[in-house]
Amino acid sequence: KDFKGNVPGRPDILISTSADLLAA
């Protein structure tokens, strides 16, 4: 019924797009 945590729980491990990569 519930994931019991924030989603995503580890947002820092993902660089999604090329624009995100430039920002990183």
PDBML (XML) file of the C-alpha atoms, coordinates in Angstrom:
<?xml version="1.0" encoding="UTF-8" ?>
<PDBx:datablock datablockName="MODEL"
   xmlns:PDBx="http://pdbml.pdb.org/schema/pdbx-v50.xsd"
   xmlns:xsi="http://www.w3.org/2001/XMLSchema-instance"
   xsi:schemaLocation="http://pdbml.pdb.org/schema/pdbx-v50.xsd pdbx-v50.xsd">
   <PDBx:atom_siteCategory>
      <PDBx:atom_site id="1">
         <PDBx:B_iso_or_equiv>0.00</PDBx:B_iso_or_equiv>
         <PDBx:Cartn_x>0.000</PDBx:Cartn_x>
         <PDBx:Cartn_y>0.000</PDBx:Cartn_y>
         <PDBx:Cartn_z>0.000</PDBx:Cartn_z>
         <PDBx:auth_asym_id>A</PDBx:auth_asym_id>
         <PDBx:auth_atom_id>CA</PDBx:auth_atom_id>
         <PDBx:auth_comp_id>LYS</PDBx:auth_comp_id>
         <PDBx:auth_seq_id>1</PDBx:auth_seq_id>
         <PDBx:group_PDB>ATOM</PDBx:group_PDB>
         <PDBx:label_alt_id xsi:nil="true" />
         <PDBx:label_asym_id>A</PDBx:label_asym_id>
         <PDBx:label_atom_id>CA</PDBx:label_atom_id>
         <PDBx:label_comp_id>LYS</PDBx:label_comp_id>
         <PDBx:label_entity_id>1</PDBx:label_entity_id>
         <PDBx:label_seq_id>1</PDBx:label_seq_id>
         <PDBx:occupancy>1.00</PDBx:occupancy>
         <PDBx:pdbx_PDB_model_num>1</PDBx:pdbx_PDB_model_num>
         <PDBx:type_symbol>C</PDBx:type_symbol>
      </PDBx:atom_site>
      <PDBx:atom_site id="2">
         <PDBx:B_iso_or_equiv>0.00</PDBx:B_iso_or_equiv>
         <PDBx:Cartn_x>2.913</PDBx:Cartn_x>
         <PDBx:Cartn_y>2.329</PDBx:Cartn_y>
         <PDBx:Cartn_z>0.632</PDBx:Cartn_z>
         <PDBx:auth_asym_id>A</PDBx:auth_asym_id>
         <PDBx:auth_atom_id>CA</PDBx:auth_atom_id>
         <PDBx:auth_comp_id>ASP</PDBx:auth_comp_id>
         <PDBx:auth_seq_id>2</PDBx:auth_seq_id>
         <PDBx:group_PDB>ATOM</PDBx:group_PDB>
         <PDBx:label_alt_id xsi:nil="true" />
         <PDBx:label_asym_id>A</PDBx:label_asym_id>
         <PDBx:label_atom_id>CA</PDBx:label_atom_id>
         <PDBx:label_comp_id>ASP</PDBx:label_comp_id>
         <PDBx:label_entity_id>1</PDBx:label_entity_id>
         <PDBx:label_seq_id>2</PDBx:label_seq_id>
         <PDBx:occupancy>1.00</PDBx:occupancy>
         <PDBx:pdbx_PDB_model_num>1</PDBx:pdbx_PDB_model_num>
         <PDBx:type_symbol>C</PDBx:type_symbol>
      </PDBx:atom_site>
      <PDBx:atom_site id="3">
         <PDBx:B_iso_or_equiv>0.00</PDBx:B_iso_or_equiv>
         <PDBx:Cartn_x>6.571</PDBx:Cartn_x>
         <PDBx:Cartn_y>2.472</PDBx:Cartn_y>
         <PDBx:Cartn_z>-0.488</PDBx:Cartn_z>
         <PDBx:auth_asym_id>A</PDBx:auth_asym_id>
         <PDBx:auth_atom_id>CA</PDBx:auth_atom_id>
         <PDBx:auth_comp_id>PHE</PDBx:auth_comp_id>
         <PDBx:auth_seq_id>3</PDBx:auth_seq_id>
         <PDBx:group_PDB>ATOM</PDBx:group_PDB>
         <PDBx:label_alt_id xsi:nil="true" />
         <PDBx:label_asym_id>A</PDBx:label_asym_id>
         <PDBx:label_atom_id>CA</PDBx:label_atom_id>
         <PDBx:label_comp_id>PHE</PDBx:label_comp_id>
         <PDBx:label_entity_id>1</PDBx:label_entity_id>
         <PDBx:label_seq_id>3</PDBx:label_seq_id>
         <PDBx:occupancy>1.00</PDBx:occupancy>
         <PDBx:pdbx_PDB_model_num>1</PDBx:pdbx_PDB_model_num>
         <PDBx:type_symbol>C</PDBx:type_symbol>
      </PDBx:atom_site>
      <PDBx:atom_site id="4">
         <PDBx:B_iso_or_equiv>0.00</PDBx:B_iso_or_equiv>
         <PDBx:Cartn_x>7.544</PDBx:Cartn_x>
         <PDBx:Cartn_y>3.741</PDBx:Cartn_y>
         <PDBx:Cartn_z>2.990</PDBx:Cartn_z>
         <PDBx:auth_asym_id>A</PDBx:auth_asym_id>
         <PDBx:auth_atom_id>CA</PDBx:auth_atom_id>
         <PDBx:auth_comp_id>LYS</PDBx:auth_comp_id>
         <PDBx:auth_seq_id>4</PDBx:auth_seq_id>
         <PDBx:group_PDB>ATOM</PDBx:group_PDB>
         <PDBx:label_alt_id xsi:nil="true" />
         <PDBx:label_asym_id>A</PDBx:label_asym_id>
         <PDBx:label_atom_id>CA</PDBx:label_atom_id>
         <PDBx:label_comp_id>LYS</PDBx:label_comp_id>
         <PDBx:label_entity_id>1</PDBx:label_entity_id>
         <PDBx:label_seq_id>4</PDBx:label_seq_id>
         <PDBx:occupancy>1.00</PDBx:occupancy>
         <PDBx:pdbx_PDB_model_num>1</PDBx:pdbx_PDB_model_num>
         <PDBx:type_symbol>C</PDBx:type_symbol>
      </PDBx:atom_site>
      <PDBx:atom_site id="5">
         <PDBx:B_iso_or_equiv>0.00</PDBx:B_iso_or_equiv>
         <PDBx:Cartn_x>10.011</PDBx:Cartn_x>
         <PDBx:Cartn_y>6.306</PDBx:Cartn_y>
         <PDBx:Cartn_z>1.692</PDBx:Cartn_z>
         <PDBx:auth_asym_id>A</PDBx:auth_asym_id>
         <PDBx:auth_atom_id>CA</PDBx:auth_atom_id>
         <PDBx:auth_comp_id>GLY</PDBx:auth_comp_id>
         <PDBx:auth_seq_id>5</PDBx:auth_seq_id>
         <PDBx:group_PDB>ATOM</PDBx:group_PDB>
         <PDBx:label_alt_id xsi:nil="true" />
         <PDBx:label_asym_id>A</PDBx:label_asym_id>
         <PDBx:label_atom_id>CA</PDBx:label_atom_id>
         <PDBx:label_comp_id>GLY</PDBx:label_comp_id>
         <PDBx:label_entity_id>1</PDBx:label_entity_id>
         <PDBx:label_seq_id>5</PDBx:label_seq_id>
         <PDBx:occupancy>1.00</PDBx:occupancy>
         <PDBx:pdbx_PDB_model_num>1</PDBx:pdbx_PDB_model_num>
         <PDBx:type_symbol>C</PDBx:type_symbol>
      </PDBx:atom_site>
      <PDBx:atom_site id="6">
         <PDBx:B_iso_or_equiv>0.00</PDBx:B_iso_or_equiv>
         <PDBx:Cartn_x>10.657</PDBx:Cartn_x>
         <PDBx:Cartn_y>9.180</PDBx:Cartn_y>
         <PDBx:Cartn_z>-0.655</PDBx:Cartn_z>
         <PDBx:auth_asym_id>A</PDBx:auth_asym_id>
         <PDBx:auth_atom_id>CA</PDBx:auth_atom_id>
         <PDBx:auth_comp_id>ASN</PDBx:auth_comp_id>
         <PDBx:auth_seq_id>6</PDBx:auth_seq_id>
         <PDBx:group_PDB>ATOM</PDBx:group_PDB>
         <PDBx:label_alt_id xsi:nil="true" />
         <PDBx:label_asym_id>A</PDBx:label_asym_id>
         <PDBx:label_atom_id>CA</PDBx:label_atom_id>
         <PDBx:label_comp_id>ASN</PDBx:label_comp_id>
         <PDBx:label_entity_id>1</PDBx:label_entity_id>
         <PDBx:label_seq_id>6</PDBx:label_seq_id>
         <PDBx:occupancy>1.00</PDBx:occupancy>
         <PDBx:pdbx_PDB_model_num>1</PDBx:pdbx_PDB_model_num>
         <PDBx:type_symbol>C</PDBx:type_symbol>
      </PDBx:atom_site>
      <PDBx:atom_site id="7">
         <PDBx:B_iso_or_equiv>0.00</PDBx:B_iso_or_equiv>
         <PDBx:Cartn_x>10.732</PDBx:Cartn_x>
         <PDBx:Cartn_y>8.427</PDBx:Cartn_y>
         <PDBx:Cartn_z>-4.382</PDBx:Cartn_z>
         <PDBx:auth_asym_id>A</PDBx:auth_asym_id>
         <PDBx:auth_atom_id>CA</PDBx:auth_atom_id>
         <PDBx:auth_comp_id>VAL</PDBx:auth_comp_id>
         <PDBx:auth_seq_id>7</PDBx:auth_seq_id>
         <PDBx:group_PDB>ATOM</PDBx:group_PDB>
         <PDBx:label_alt_id xsi:nil="true" />
         <PDBx:label_asym_id>A</PDBx:label_asym_id>
         <PDBx:label_atom_id>CA</PDBx:label_atom_id>
         <PDBx:label_comp_id>VAL</PDBx:label_comp_id>
         <PDBx:label_entity_id>1</PDBx:label_entity_id>
         <PDBx:label_seq_id>7</PDBx:label_seq_id>
         <PDBx:occupancy>1.00</PDBx:occupancy>
         <PDBx:pdbx_PDB_model_num>1</PDBx:pdbx_PDB_model_num>
         <PDBx:type_symbol>C</PDBx:type_symbol>
      </PDBx:atom_site>
      <PDBx:atom_site id="8">
         <PDBx:B_iso_or_equiv>0.00</PDBx:B_iso_or_equiv>
         <PDBx:Cartn_x>13.344</PDBx:Cartn_x>
         <PDBx:Cartn_y>8.650</PDBx:Cartn_y>
         <PDBx:Cartn_z>-5.711</PDBx:Cartn_z>
         <PDBx:auth_asym_id>A</PDBx:auth_asym_id>
         <PDBx:auth_atom_id>CA</PDBx:auth_atom_id>
         <PDBx:auth_comp_id>PRO</PDBx:auth_comp_id>
         <PDBx:auth_seq_id>8</PDBx:auth_seq_id>
         <PDBx:group_PDB>ATOM</PDBx:group_PDB>
         <PDBx:label_alt_id xsi:nil="true" />
         <PDBx:label_asym_id>A</PDBx:label_asym_id>
         <PDBx:label_atom_id>CA</PDBx:label_atom_id>
         <PDBx:label_comp_id>PRO</PDBx:label_comp_id>
         <PDBx:label_entity_id>1</PDBx:label_entity_id>
         <PDBx:label_seq_id>8</PDBx:label_seq_id>
         <PDBx:occupancy>1.00</PDBx:occupancy>
         <PDBx:pdbx_PDB_model_num>1</PDBx:pdbx_PDB_model_num>
         <PDBx:type_symbol>C</PDBx:type_symbol>
      </PDBx:atom_site>
      <PDBx:atom_site id="9">
         <PDBx:B_iso_or_equiv>0.00</PDBx:B_iso_or_equiv>
         <PDBx:Cartn_x>15.269</PDBx:Cartn_x>
         <PDBx:Cartn_y>7.818</PDBx:Cartn_y>
         <PDBx:Cartn_z>-2.570</PDBx:Cartn_z>
         <PDBx:auth_asym_id>A</PDBx:auth_asym_id>
         <PDBx:auth_atom_id>CA</PDBx:auth_atom_id>
         <PDBx:auth_comp_id>GLY</PDBx:auth_comp_id>
         <PDBx:auth_seq_id>9</PDBx:auth_seq_id>
         <PDBx:group_PDB>ATOM</PDBx:group_PDB>
         <PDBx:label_alt_id xsi:nil="true" />
         <PDBx:label_asym_id>A</PDBx:label_asym_id>
         <PDBx:label_atom_id>CA</PDBx:label_atom_id>
         <PDBx:label_comp_id>GLY</PDBx:label_comp_id>
         <PDBx:label_entity_id>1</PDBx:label_entity_id>
         <PDBx:label_seq_id>9</PDBx:label_seq_id>
         <PDBx:occupancy>1.00</PDBx:occupancy>
         <PDBx:pdbx_PDB_model_num>1</PDBx:pdbx_PDB_model_num>
         <PDBx:type_symbol>C</PDBx:type_symbol>
      </PDBx:atom_site>
      <PDBx:atom_site id="10">
         <PDBx:B_iso_or_equiv>0.00</PDBx:B_iso_or_equiv>
         <PDBx:Cartn_x>18.687</PDBx:Cartn_x>
         <PDBx:Cartn_y>8.320</PDBx:Cartn_y>
         <PDBx:Cartn_z>-4.216</PDBx:Cartn_z>
         <PDBx:auth_asym_id>A</PDBx:auth_asym_id>
         <PDBx:auth_atom_id>CA</PDBx:auth_atom_id>
         <PDBx:auth_comp_id>ARG</PDBx:auth_comp_id>
         <PDBx:auth_seq_id>10</PDBx:auth_seq_id>
         <PDBx:group_PDB>ATOM</PDBx:group_PDB>
         <PDBx:label_alt_id xsi:nil="true" />
         <PDBx:label_asym_id>A</PDBx:label_asym_id>
         <PDBx:label_atom_id>CA</PDBx:label_atom_id>
         <PDBx:label_comp_id>ARG</PDBx:label_comp_id>
         <PDBx:label_entity_id>1</PDBx:label_entity_id>
         <PDBx:label_seq_id>10</PDBx:label_seq_id>
         <PDBx:occupancy>1.00</PDBx:occupancy>
         <PDBx:pdbx_PDB_model_num>1</PDBx:pdbx_PDB_model_num>
         <PDBx:type_symbol>C</PDBx:type_symbol>
      </PDBx:atom_site>
      <PDBx:atom_site id="11">
         <PDBx:B_iso_or_equiv>0.00</PDBx:B_iso_or_equiv>
         <PDBx:Cartn_x>18.242</PDBx:Cartn_x>
         <PDBx:Cartn_y>11.079</PDBx:Cartn_y>
         <PDBx:Cartn_z>-6.812</PDBx:Cartn_z>
         <PDBx:auth_asym_id>A</PDBx:auth_asym_id>
         <PDBx:auth_atom_id>CA</PDBx:auth_atom_id>
         <PDBx:auth_comp_id>PRO</PDBx:auth_comp_id>
         <PDBx:auth_seq_id>11</PDBx:auth_seq_id>
         <PDBx:group_PDB>ATOM</PDBx:group_PDB>
         <PDBx:label_alt_id xsi:nil="true" />
         <PDBx:label_asym_id>A</PDBx:label_asym_id>
         <PDBx:label_atom_id>CA</PDBx:label_atom_id>
         <PDBx:label_comp_id>PRO</PDBx:label_comp_id>
         <PDBx:label_entity_id>1</PDBx:label_entity_id>
         <PDBx:label_seq_id>11</PDBx:label_seq_id>
         <PDBx:occupancy>1.00</PDBx:occupancy>
         <PDBx:pdbx_PDB_model_num>1</PDBx:pdbx_PDB_model_num>
         <PDBx:type_symbol>C</PDBx:type_symbol>
      </PDBx:atom_site>
      <PDBx:atom_site id="12">
         <PDBx:B_iso_or_equiv>0.00</PDBx:B_iso_or_equiv>
         <PDBx:Cartn_x>21.938</PDBx:Cartn_x>
         <PDBx:Cartn_y>11.966</PDBx:Cartn_y>
         <PDBx:Cartn_z>-6.660</PDBx:Cartn_z>
         <PDBx:auth_asym_id>A</PDBx:auth_asym_id>
         <PDBx:auth_atom_id>CA</PDBx:auth_atom_id>
         <PDBx:auth_comp_id>ASP</PDBx:auth_comp_id>
         <PDBx:auth_seq_id>12</PDBx:auth_seq_id>
         <PDBx:group_PDB>ATOM</PDBx:group_PDB>
         <PDBx:label_alt_id xsi:nil="true" />
         <PDBx:label_asym_id>A</PDBx:label_asym_id>
         <PDBx:label_atom_id>CA</PDBx:label_atom_id>
         <PDBx:label_comp_id>ASP</PDBx:label_comp_id>
         <PDBx:label_entity_id>1</PDBx:label_entity_id>
         <PDBx:label_seq_id>12</PDBx:label_seq_id>
         <PDBx:occupancy>1.00</PDBx:occupancy>
         <PDBx:pdbx_PDB_model_num>1</PDBx:pdbx_PDB_model_num>
         <PDBx:type_symbol>C</PDBx:type_symbol>
      </PDBx:atom_site>
      <PDBx:atom_site id="13">
         <PDBx:B_iso_or_equiv>0.00</PDBx:B_iso_or_equiv>
         <PDBx:Cartn_x>23.098</PDBx:Cartn_x>
         <PDBx:Cartn_y>8.785</PDBx:Cartn_y>
         <PDBx:Cartn_z>-8.459</PDBx:Cartn_z>
         <PDBx:auth_asym_id>A</PDBx:auth_asym_id>
         <PDBx:auth_atom_id>CA</PDBx:auth_atom_id>
         <PDBx:auth_comp_id>ILE</PDBx:auth_comp_id>
         <PDBx:auth_seq_id>13</PDBx:auth_seq_id>
         <PDBx:group_PDB>ATOM</PDBx:group_PDB>
         <PDBx:label_alt_id xsi:nil="true" />
         <PDBx:label_asym_id>A</PDBx:label_asym_id>
         <PDBx:label_atom_id>CA</PDBx:label_atom_id>
         <PDBx:label_comp_id>ILE</PDBx:label_comp_id>
         <PDBx:label_entity_id>1</PDBx:label_entity_id>
         <PDBx:label_seq_id>13</PDBx:label_seq_id>
         <PDBx:occupancy>1.00</PDBx:occupancy>
         <PDBx:pdbx_PDB_model_num>1</PDBx:pdbx_PDB_model_num>
         <PDBx:type_symbol>C</PDBx:type_symbol>
      </PDBx:atom_site>
      <PDBx:atom_site id="14">
         <PDBx:B_iso_or_equiv>0.00</PDBx:B_iso_or_equiv>
         <PDBx:Cartn_x>21.309</PDBx:Cartn_x>
         <PDBx:Cartn_y>9.615</PDBx:Cartn_y>
         <PDBx:Cartn_z>-11.724</PDBx:Cartn_z>
         <PDBx:auth_asym_id>A</PDBx:auth_asym_id>
         <PDBx:auth_atom_id>CA</PDBx:auth_atom_id>
         <PDBx:auth_comp_id>LEU</PDBx:auth_comp_id>
         <PDBx:auth_seq_id>14</PDBx:auth_seq_id>
         <PDBx:group_PDB>ATOM</PDBx:group_PDB>
         <PDBx:label_alt_id xsi:nil="true" />
         <PDBx:label_asym_id>A</PDBx:label_asym_id>
         <PDBx:label_atom_id>CA</PDBx:label_atom_id>
         <PDBx:label_comp_id>LEU</PDBx:label_comp_id>
         <PDBx:label_entity_id>1</PDBx:label_entity_id>
         <PDBx:label_seq_id>14</PDBx:label_seq_id>
         <PDBx:occupancy>1.00</PDBx:occupancy>
         <PDBx:pdbx_PDB_model_num>1</PDBx:pdbx_PDB_model_num>
         <PDBx:type_symbol>C</PDBx:type_symbol>
      </PDBx:atom_site>
      <PDBx:atom_site id="15">
         <PDBx:B_iso_or_equiv>0.00</PDBx:B_iso_or_equiv>
         <PDBx:Cartn_x>22.331</PDBx:Cartn_x>
         <PDBx:Cartn_y>12.107</PDBx:Cartn_y>
         <PDBx:Cartn_z>-14.387</PDBx:Cartn_z>
         <PDBx:auth_asym_id>A</PDBx:auth_asym_id>
         <PDBx:auth_atom_id>CA</PDBx:auth_atom_id>
         <PDBx:auth_comp_id>ILE</PDBx:auth_comp_id>
         <PDBx:auth_seq_id>15</PDBx:auth_seq_id>
         <PDBx:group_PDB>ATOM</PDBx:group_PDB>
         <PDBx:label_alt_id xsi:nil="true" />
         <PDBx:label_asym_id>A</PDBx:label_asym_id>
         <PDBx:label_atom_id>CA</PDBx:label_atom_id>
         <PDBx:label_comp_id>ILE</PDBx:label_comp_id>
         <PDBx:label_entity_id>1</PDBx:label_entity_id>
         <PDBx:label_seq_id>15</PDBx:label_seq_id>
         <PDBx:occupancy>1.00</PDBx:occupancy>
         <PDBx:pdbx_PDB_model_num>1</PDBx:pdbx_PDB_model_num>
         <PDBx:type_symbol>C</PDBx:type_symbol>
      </PDBx:atom_site>
      <PDBx:atom_site id="16">
         <PDBx:B_iso_or_equiv>0.00</PDBx:B_iso_or_equiv>
         <PDBx:Cartn_x>19.421</PDBx:Cartn_x>
         <PDBx:Cartn_y>11.707</PDBx:Cartn_y>
         <PDBx:Cartn_z>-16.734</PDBx:Cartn_z>
         <PDBx:auth_asym_id>A</PDBx:auth_asym_id>
         <PDBx:auth_atom_id>CA</PDBx:auth_atom_id>
         <PDBx:auth_comp_id>SER</PDBx:auth_comp_id>
         <PDBx:auth_seq_id>16</PDBx:auth_seq_id>
         <PDBx:group_PDB>ATOM</PDBx:group_PDB>
         <PDBx:label_alt_id xsi:nil="true" />
         <PDBx:label_asym_id>A</PDBx:label_asym_id>
         <PDBx:label_atom_id>CA</PDBx:label_atom_id>
         <PDBx:label_comp_id>SER</PDBx:label_comp_id>
         <PDBx:label_entity_id>1</PDBx:label_entity_id>
         <PDBx:label_seq_id>16</PDBx:label_seq_id>
         <PDBx:occupancy>1.00</PDBx:occupancy>
         <PDBx:pdbx_PDB_model_num>1</PDBx:pdbx_PDB_model_num>
         <PDBx:type_symbol>C</PDBx:type_symbol>
      </PDBx:atom_site>
      <PDBx:atom_site id="17">
         <PDBx:B_iso_or_equiv>0.00</PDBx:B_iso_or_equiv>
         <PDBx:Cartn_x>19.953</PDBx:Cartn_x>
         <PDBx:Cartn_y>13.900</PDBx:Cartn_y>
         <PDBx:Cartn_z>-19.802</PDBx:Cartn_z>
         <PDBx:auth_asym_id>A</PDBx:auth_asym_id>
         <PDBx:auth_atom_id>CA</PDBx:auth_atom_id>
         <PDBx:auth_comp_id>THR</PDBx:auth_comp_id>
         <PDBx:auth_seq_id>17</PDBx:auth_seq_id>
         <PDBx:group_PDB>ATOM</PDBx:group_PDB>
         <PDBx:label_alt_id xsi:nil="true" />
         <PDBx:label_asym_id>A</PDBx:label_asym_id>
         <PDBx:label_atom_id>CA</PDBx:label_atom_id>
         <PDBx:label_comp_id>THR</PDBx:label_comp_id>
         <PDBx:label_entity_id>1</PDBx:label_entity_id>
         <PDBx:label_seq_id>17</PDBx:label_seq_id>
         <PDBx:occupancy>1.00</PDBx:occupancy>
         <PDBx:pdbx_PDB_model_num>1</PDBx:pdbx_PDB_model_num>
         <PDBx:type_symbol>C</PDBx:type_symbol>
      </PDBx:atom_site>
      <PDBx:atom_site id="18">
         <PDBx:B_iso_or_equiv>0.00</PDBx:B_iso_or_equiv>
         <PDBx:Cartn_x>22.812</PDBx:Cartn_x>
         <PDBx:Cartn_y>15.616</PDBx:Cartn_y>
         <PDBx:Cartn_z>-21.597</PDBx:Cartn_z>
         <PDBx:auth_asym_id>A</PDBx:auth_asym_id>
         <PDBx:auth_atom_id>CA</PDBx:auth_atom_id>
         <PDBx:auth_comp_id>SER</PDBx:auth_comp_id>
         <PDBx:auth_seq_id>18</PDBx:auth_seq_id>
         <PDBx:group_PDB>ATOM</PDBx:group_PDB>
         <PDBx:label_alt_id xsi:nil="true" />
         <PDBx:label_asym_id>A</PDBx:label_asym_id>
         <PDBx:label_atom_id>CA</PDBx:label_atom_id>
         <PDBx:label_comp_id>SER</PDBx:label_comp_id>
         <PDBx:label_entity_id>1</PDBx:label_entity_id>
         <PDBx:label_seq_id>18</PDBx:label_seq_id>
         <PDBx:occupancy>1.00</PDBx:occupancy>
         <PDBx:pdbx_PDB_model_num>1</PDBx:pdbx_PDB_model_num>
         <PDBx:type_symbol>C</PDBx:type_symbol>
      </PDBx:atom_site>
      <PDBx:atom_site id="19">
         <PDBx:B_iso_or_equiv>0.00</PDBx:B_iso_or_equiv>
         <PDBx:Cartn_x>21.616</PDBx:Cartn_x>
         <PDBx:Cartn_y>18.937</PDBx:Cartn_y>
         <PDBx:Cartn_z>-20.209</PDBx:Cartn_z>
         <PDBx:auth_asym_id>A</PDBx:auth_asym_id>
         <PDBx:auth_atom_id>CA</PDBx:auth_atom_id>
         <PDBx:auth_comp_id>ALA</PDBx:auth_comp_id>
         <PDBx:auth_seq_id>19</PDBx:auth_seq_id>
         <PDBx:group_PDB>ATOM</PDBx:group_PDB>
         <PDBx:label_alt_id xsi:nil="true" />
         <PDBx:label_asym_id>A</PDBx:label_asym_id>
         <PDBx:label_atom_id>CA</PDBx:label_atom_id>
         <PDBx:label_comp_id>ALA</PDBx:label_comp_id>
         <PDBx:label_entity_id>1</PDBx:label_entity_id>
         <PDBx:label_seq_id>19</PDBx:label_seq_id>
         <PDBx:occupancy>1.00</PDBx:occupancy>
         <PDBx:pdbx_PDB_model_num>1</PDBx:pdbx_PDB_model_num>
         <PDBx:type_symbol>C</PDBx:type_symbol>
      </PDBx:atom_site>
      <PDBx:atom_site id="20">
         <PDBx:B_iso_or_equiv>0.00</PDBx:B_iso_or_equiv>
         <PDBx:Cartn_x>21.806</PDBx:Cartn_x>
         <PDBx:Cartn_y>17.439</PDBx:Cartn_y>
         <PDBx:Cartn_z>-16.723</PDBx:Cartn_z>
         <PDBx:auth_asym_id>A</PDBx:auth_asym_id>
         <PDBx:auth_atom_id>CA</PDBx:auth_atom_id>
         <PDBx:auth_comp_id>ASP</PDBx:auth_comp_id>
         <PDBx:auth_seq_id>20</PDBx:auth_seq_id>
         <PDBx:group_PDB>ATOM</PDBx:group_PDB>
         <PDBx:label_alt_id xsi:nil="true" />
         <PDBx:label_asym_id>A</PDBx:label_asym_id>
         <PDBx:label_atom_id>CA</PDBx:label_atom_id>
         <PDBx:label_comp_id>ASP</PDBx:label_comp_id>
         <PDBx:label_entity_id>1</PDBx:label_entity_id>
         <PDBx:label_seq_id>20</PDBx:label_seq_id>
         <PDBx:occupancy>1.00</PDBx:occupancy>
         <PDBx:pdbx_PDB_model_num>1</PDBx:pdbx_PDB_model_num>
         <PDBx:type_symbol>C</PDBx:type_symbol>
      </PDBx:atom_site>
      <PDBx:atom_site id="21">
         <PDBx:B_iso_or_equiv>0.00</PDBx:B_iso_or_equiv>
         <PDBx:Cartn_x>25.359</PDBx:Cartn_x>
         <PDBx:Cartn_y>16.314</PDBx:Cartn_y>
         <PDBx:Cartn_z>-17.469</PDBx:Cartn_z>
         <PDBx:auth_asym_id>A</PDBx:auth_asym_id>
         <PDBx:auth_atom_id>CA</PDBx:auth_atom_id>
         <PDBx:auth_comp_id>LEU</PDBx:auth_comp_id>
         <PDBx:auth_seq_id>21</PDBx:auth_seq_id>
         <PDBx:group_PDB>ATOM</PDBx:group_PDB>
         <PDBx:label_alt_id xsi:nil="true" />
         <PDBx:label_asym_id>A</PDBx:label_asym_id>
         <PDBx:label_atom_id>CA</PDBx:label_atom_id>
         <PDBx:label_comp_id>LEU</PDBx:label_comp_id>
         <PDBx:label_entity_id>1</PDBx:label_entity_id>
         <PDBx:label_seq_id>21</PDBx:label_seq_id>
         <PDBx:occupancy>1.00</PDBx:occupancy>
         <PDBx:pdbx_PDB_model_num>1</PDBx:pdbx_PDB_model_num>
         <PDBx:type_symbol>C</PDBx:type_symbol>
      </PDBx:atom_site>
      <PDBx:atom_site id="22">
         <PDBx:B_iso_or_equiv>0.00</PDBx:B_iso_or_equiv>
         <PDBx:Cartn_x>26.402</PDBx:Cartn_x>
         <PDBx:Cartn_y>19.839</PDBx:Cartn_y>
         <PDBx:Cartn_z>-18.450</PDBx:Cartn_z>
         <PDBx:auth_asym_id>A</PDBx:auth_asym_id>
         <PDBx:auth_atom_id>CA</PDBx:auth_atom_id>
         <PDBx:auth_comp_id>LEU</PDBx:auth_comp_id>
         <PDBx:auth_seq_id>22</PDBx:auth_seq_id>
         <PDBx:group_PDB>ATOM</PDBx:group_PDB>
         <PDBx:label_alt_id xsi:nil="true" />
         <PDBx:label_asym_id>A</PDBx:label_asym_id>
         <PDBx:label_atom_id>CA</PDBx:label_atom_id>
         <PDBx:label_comp_id>LEU</PDBx:label_comp_id>
         <PDBx:label_entity_id>1</PDBx:label_entity_id>
         <PDBx:label_seq_id>22</PDBx:label_seq_id>
         <PDBx:occupancy>1.00</PDBx:occupancy>
         <PDBx:pdbx_PDB_model_num>1</PDBx:pdbx_PDB_model_num>
         <PDBx:type_symbol>C</PDBx:type_symbol>
      </PDBx:atom_site>
      <PDBx:atom_site id="23">
         <PDBx:B_iso_or_equiv>0.00</PDBx:B_iso_or_equiv>
         <PDBx:Cartn_x>24.914</PDBx:Cartn_x>
         <PDBx:Cartn_y>21.109</PDBx:Cartn_y>
         <PDBx:Cartn_z>-15.196</PDBx:Cartn_z>
         <PDBx:auth_asym_id>A</PDBx:auth_asym_id>
         <PDBx:auth_atom_id>CA</PDBx:auth_atom_id>
         <PDBx:auth_comp_id>ALA</PDBx:auth_comp_id>
         <PDBx:auth_seq_id>23</PDBx:auth_seq_id>
         <PDBx:group_PDB>ATOM</PDBx:group_PDB>
         <PDBx:label_alt_id xsi:nil="true" />
         <PDBx:label_asym_id>A</PDBx:label_asym_id>
         <PDBx:label_atom_id>CA</PDBx:label_atom_id>
         <PDBx:label_comp_id>ALA</PDBx:label_comp_id>
         <PDBx:label_entity_id>1</PDBx:label_entity_id>
         <PDBx:label_seq_id>23</PDBx:label_seq_id>
         <PDBx:occupancy>1.00</PDBx:occupancy>
         <PDBx:pdbx_PDB_model_num>1</PDBx:pdbx_PDB_model_num>
         <PDBx:type_symbol>C</PDBx:type_symbol>
      </PDBx:atom_site>
      <PDBx:atom_site id="24">
         <PDBx:B_iso_or_equiv>0.00</PDBx:B_iso_or_equiv>
         <PDBx:Cartn_x>26.825</PDBx:Cartn_x>
         <PDBx:Cartn_y>18.470</PDBx:Cartn_y>
         <PDBx:Cartn_z>-13.221</PDBx:Cartn_z>
         <PDBx:auth_asym_id>A</PDBx:auth_asym_id>
         <PDBx:auth_atom_id>CA</PDBx:auth_atom_id>
         <PDBx:auth_comp_id>ALA</PDBx:auth_comp_id>
         <PDBx:auth_seq_id>24</PDBx:auth_seq_id>
         <PDBx:group_PDB>ATOM</PDBx:group_PDB>
         <PDBx:label_alt_id xsi:nil="true" />
         <PDBx:label_asym_id>A</PDBx:label_asym_id>
         <PDBx:label_atom_id>CA</PDBx:label_atom_id>
         <PDBx:label_comp_id>ALA</PDBx:label_comp_id>
         <PDBx:label_entity_id>1</PDBx:label_entity_id>
         <PDBx:label_seq_id>24</PDBx:label_seq_id>
         <PDBx:occupancy>1.00</PDBx:occupancy>
         <PDBx:pdbx_PDB_model_num>1</PDBx:pdbx_PDB_model_num>
         <PDBx:type_symbol>C</PDBx:type_symbol>
      </PDBx:atom_site>
   </PDBx:atom_siteCategory>
</PDBx:datablock>
